[in-house]
Structures are given as C-alpha cells and as structure tokens.
Amino acid sequence: MKKQPEVTAKTKKAFMDAFCELYSQKPIEKISVQEITDKAGYNRSSFYQHFHDVYDLLDCLEKDLIDSIRQRIQVGKGSIQEMLSVFDDKGFYINALFGDYGGNRFIEKLKAAVPFEAHNLYISKDNSITPYLIEFHLSTVLSLLRLWYRRQRDISPELLLDLIFRLYTNGTSTIVKDL
C-alpha cells in the first residue's frame, strides 16, 4: 500500500516542528526520539519510517532549508533579498538552527551551499584572495541574519537589507556618523 504524499509530508513536518521546538531549548544530544514523538503526537515507529535518528532529522531539515535557499538564489540571481525571503518562509526552522545549539554547524553548511556566482563579486574564481572575500561576504550576511533572528527581527527586513548594503559599500564609519 502506497502512502499518500500529503500525509507523509504532514507527518514529517510535525516531527520537524517538534524537533525545532526542542532544539531551540537544548542541544541535540539531550533530545530523544521519544520527546519528539510525544510532542509531535505520533508514535516511534512513524518517526523511524522517516528518519534513522535525531541526527538524521536535523540533516534532513538542514538539507531542505539549504535546497530552498539554493532554489531561490538561482531564481533571483543570488540576491540577499532572495535568501531573506526563504528565511521569512521558513522562519521557525531558521530560528532553531540559528539558535544557541545549532548556529555554527548550520552556518557552515549554508556557506558551502552558496554557489560562487551568487556572490556577485566580479572577480576570478582563481584569484588567491577570492576565498577570503567570499568568507567575508557570507560570514557578514549570515552573522547579521543570525543576530536579527536572535533579536526577534527587531528591525524591518528592508532596514536590514539597507544596513547590509551600506556596510558593504561604505563600511561602518558612515553608519556610525548617521546615528
């Protein structure tokens, strides 16, 4: 008997939601399959139909989010706005992955997932400085996005994008002068 795709997606989402709620509160090592299934309202056998263990669930969640970001970047020609639109759509998950217990792991995966062309740096891939510029570019954007989520998105997305643009083009001195 074949499973209905919408039922499978709903079940998987329930597990991911429950996991993210727990992952926002404690490290993955302290999260059990039993906690996830209790919170999601499903049994353990349902969990194991979708995931091998808690780490597999995390990998699946990260992969889904990164695939969404890649897809939007390709459609939108690599803009920060396109990345931010995924963050808006998947905010609950992003918040958990950017939290105290996920941050660096997910950020490193995001950095690796963004194709060179998306950086709009207009320099050769083969230049010895290029990896440093990419690291600066991505680390800055992702750190600011992580801070924005940690501060419960206390400024508008437009203001955040303007701030990022101004930081890249003029540095901090002009922004400080405007305060």
Protein backbone atom coordinates (compact mmCIF):
# COMPACT_ATOMS: atom_id res chain seq x y z
CA MET A 1 0.00 0.00 0.00
CA LYS A 2 1.43 3.37 -1.02
CA LYS A 3 1.49 6.28 1.37
CA GLN A 4 -0.30 9.45 0.45
CA PRO A 5 2.32 12.17 -0.17
CA GLU A 6 0.35 14.87 1.67
CA VAL A 7 0.02 12.64 4.76
CA THR A 8 3.73 11.80 4.65
CA ALA A 9 4.64 15.50 4.32
CA LYS A 10 2.33 16.42 7.20
CA THR A 11 3.84 13.75 9.45
CA LYS A 12 7.39 14.73 8.55
CA LYS A 13 6.59 18.39 9.19
CA ALA A 14 5.14 17.54 12.61
CA PHE A 15 8.39 15.80 13.56
CA MET A 16 10.48 18.71 12.27
CA ASP A 17 8.33 21.23 14.13
CA ALA A 18 8.60 19.26 17.37
CA PHE A 19 12.35 18.86 16.91
CA CYS A 20 12.83 22.60 16.28
CA GLU A 21 10.87 23.48 19.38
CA LEU A 22 13.13 21.22 21.43
CA TYR A 23 16.33 22.27 19.61
CA SER A 24 15.59 25.87 20.49
CA GLN A 25 15.76 24.87 24.16
CA LYS A 26 18.56 22.32 24.39
CA PRO A 27 21.40 20.68 22.47
CA ILE A 28 20.72 17.79 20.12
CA GLU A 29 22.49 15.34 22.44
CA LYS A 30 19.74 15.93 25.01
CA ILE A 31 16.84 15.42 22.57
CA SER A 32 15.33 11.95 22.40
CA VAL A 33 13.16 10.38 19.73
CA GLN A 34 10.56 9.82 22.46
CA GLU A 35 10.40 13.56 23.22
CA ILE A 36 9.97 14.37 19.54
CA THR A 37 7.24 11.79 19.02
CA ASP A 38 5.38 12.83 22.17
CA LYS A 39 5.46 16.48 21.13
CA ALA A 40 4.51 15.68 17.52
CA GLY A 41 1.68 13.36 18.54
CA TYR A 42 2.94 10.32 16.64
CA ASN A 43 4.48 7.03 17.69
CA ARG A 44 8.12 5.98 17.44
CA SER A 45 7.51 3.65 14.50
CA SER A 46 6.18 6.60 12.48
CA PHE A 47 9.33 8.54 13.32
CA TYR A 48 11.54 5.69 12.11
CA GLN A 49 9.63 5.48 8.84
CA HIS A 50 11.02 8.95 8.06
CA PHE A 51 14.32 9.24 9.95
CA HIS A 52 17.05 6.95 11.28
CA ASP A 53 17.59 9.04 14.40
CA VAL A 54 17.54 12.61 15.71
CA TYR A 55 20.70 13.50 13.76
CA ASP A 56 19.14 12.28 10.54
CA LEU A 57 16.13 14.52 11.21
CA LEU A 58 18.48 17.50 11.70
CA ASP A 59 20.35 16.67 8.47
CA CYS A 60 17.06 16.39 6.60
CA LEU A 61 15.85 19.72 7.98
CA GLU A 62 19.11 21.47 7.08
CA LYS A 63 19.10 19.93 3.60
CA ASP A 64 15.50 21.04 2.96
CA LEU A 65 16.30 24.60 4.01
CA ILE A 66 19.51 24.75 2.01
CA ASP A 67 17.72 23.35 -1.06
CA SER A 68 15.07 26.08 -0.68
CA ILE A 69 17.77 28.75 -0.44
CA ARG A 70 19.63 27.37 -3.48
CA GLN A 71 16.42 27.33 -5.49
CA ARG A 72 15.56 30.94 -4.59
CA ILE A 73 19.12 32.11 -5.25
CA GLN A 74 19.01 30.58 -8.74
CA VAL A 75 15.65 32.20 -9.48
CA GLY A 76 16.61 35.57 -8.01
CA LYS A 77 20.15 35.72 -9.38
CA GLY A 78 21.76 35.37 -5.96
CA SER A 79 20.44 38.35 -4.08
CA ILE A 80 20.41 38.68 -0.32
CA GLN A 81 16.72 39.53 -0.72
CA GLU A 82 16.11 36.05 -2.15
CA MET A 83 17.89 34.42 0.78
CA LEU A 84 15.89 36.58 3.16
CA SER A 85 12.63 35.50 1.50
CA VAL A 86 13.44 31.87 2.34
CA PHE A 87 14.22 32.95 5.88
CA ASP A 88 10.80 34.60 6.05
CA ASP A 89 9.04 31.49 4.73
CA LYS A 90 10.93 29.10 6.99
CA GLY A 91 11.47 31.39 9.99
CA PHE A 92 10.53 28.87 12.67
CA TYR A 93 13.13 26.40 11.41
CA ILE A 94 15.78 29.06 10.77
CA ASN A 95 15.30 30.41 14.28
CA ALA A 96 16.01 26.97 15.76
CA LEU A 97 19.01 26.34 13.53
CA PHE A 98 20.46 29.80 14.21
CA GLY A 99 19.88 29.36 17.93
CA ASP A 100 22.36 28.64 20.67
CA TYR A 101 22.51 24.94 19.87
CA GLY A 102 22.68 24.96 16.09
CA GLY A 103 24.33 28.14 14.89
CA ASN A 104 27.82 27.34 13.66
CA ARG A 105 27.02 23.94 12.18
CA PHE A 106 24.18 25.29 10.05
CA ILE A 107 26.05 28.46 9.10
CA GLU A 108 28.98 26.43 7.76
CA LYS A 109 26.59 24.32 5.70
CA LEU A 110 24.95 27.46 4.33
CA LYS A 111 28.31 28.92 3.35
CA ALA A 112 29.24 25.76 1.48
CA ALA A 113 25.89 25.70 -0.32
CA VAL A 114 26.01 29.18 -1.88
CA PRO A 115 27.46 28.95 -5.41
CA PHE A 116 30.32 31.26 -6.37
CA GLU A 117 28.18 33.11 -8.91
CA ALA A 118 25.75 34.13 -6.19
CA HIS A 119 28.31 36.36 -4.52
CA ASN A 120 28.35 38.97 -7.30
CA LEU A 121 31.98 39.81 -6.54
CA TYR A 122 33.02 40.24 -10.18
CA ILE A 123 36.42 38.66 -9.68
CA SER A 124 38.07 35.49 -10.89
CA LYS A 125 37.43 32.25 -9.05
CA ASP A 126 41.14 31.54 -9.31
CA ASN A 127 42.36 34.66 -7.52
CA SER A 128 44.08 33.78 -4.23
CA ILE A 129 42.08 36.49 -2.43
CA THR A 130 38.70 35.22 -3.65
CA PRO A 131 38.11 32.68 -0.83
CA TYR A 132 38.73 35.45 1.73
CA LEU A 133 36.29 37.80 0.03
CA ILE A 134 33.65 35.08 -0.13
CA GLU A 135 34.17 34.22 3.53
CA PHE A 136 33.86 37.90 4.49
CA HIS A 137 30.77 38.32 2.35
CA LEU A 138 28.95 35.23 3.62
CA SER A 139 30.06 35.49 7.24
CA THR A 140 28.87 39.07 7.42
CA VAL A 141 25.46 38.41 5.91
CA LEU A 142 24.84 35.23 7.89
CA SER A 143 26.03 36.73 11.16
CA LEU A 144 23.75 39.72 10.70
CA LEU A 145 20.83 37.45 9.80
CA ARG A 146 21.52 35.31 12.85
CA LEU A 147 21.63 38.40 15.09
CA TRP A 148 18.40 39.65 13.52
CA TYR A 149 16.67 36.39 14.40
CA ARG A 150 18.11 36.36 17.91
CA ARG A 151 16.74 39.86 18.42
CA GLN A 152 13.30 38.69 17.24
CA ARG A 153 13.63 40.58 13.95
CA ASP A 154 13.57 43.92 15.74
CA ILE A 155 14.11 45.93 12.56
CA SER A 156 12.29 45.60 9.25
CA PRO A 157 13.71 43.36 6.53
CA GLU A 158 14.12 46.45 4.35
CA LEU A 159 16.18 48.21 7.02
CA LEU A 160 18.31 45.11 7.49
CA LEU A 161 18.98 44.85 3.75
CA ASP A 162 19.80 48.56 3.61
CA LEU A 163 22.19 48.15 6.53
CA ILE A 164 23.93 45.21 4.85
CA PHE A 165 24.25 47.13 1.59
CA ARG A 166 25.59 50.22 3.34
CA LEU A 167 28.09 48.17 5.34
CA TYR A 168 29.41 46.57 2.15
CA THR A 169 29.62 49.78 0.18
CA ASN A 170 30.69 52.32 2.82
CA GLY A 171 31.83 50.41 5.90
CA THR A 172 30.76 51.23 9.45
CA SER A 173 32.02 54.81 9.64
CA THR A 174 29.19 56.38 7.60
CA ILE A 175 26.56 54.44 9.54
CA VAL A 176 28.04 55.48 12.89
CA LYS A 177 28.14 59.07 11.68
CA ASP A 178 24.39 58.90 10.88
CA LEU A 179 23.47 57.66 14.38
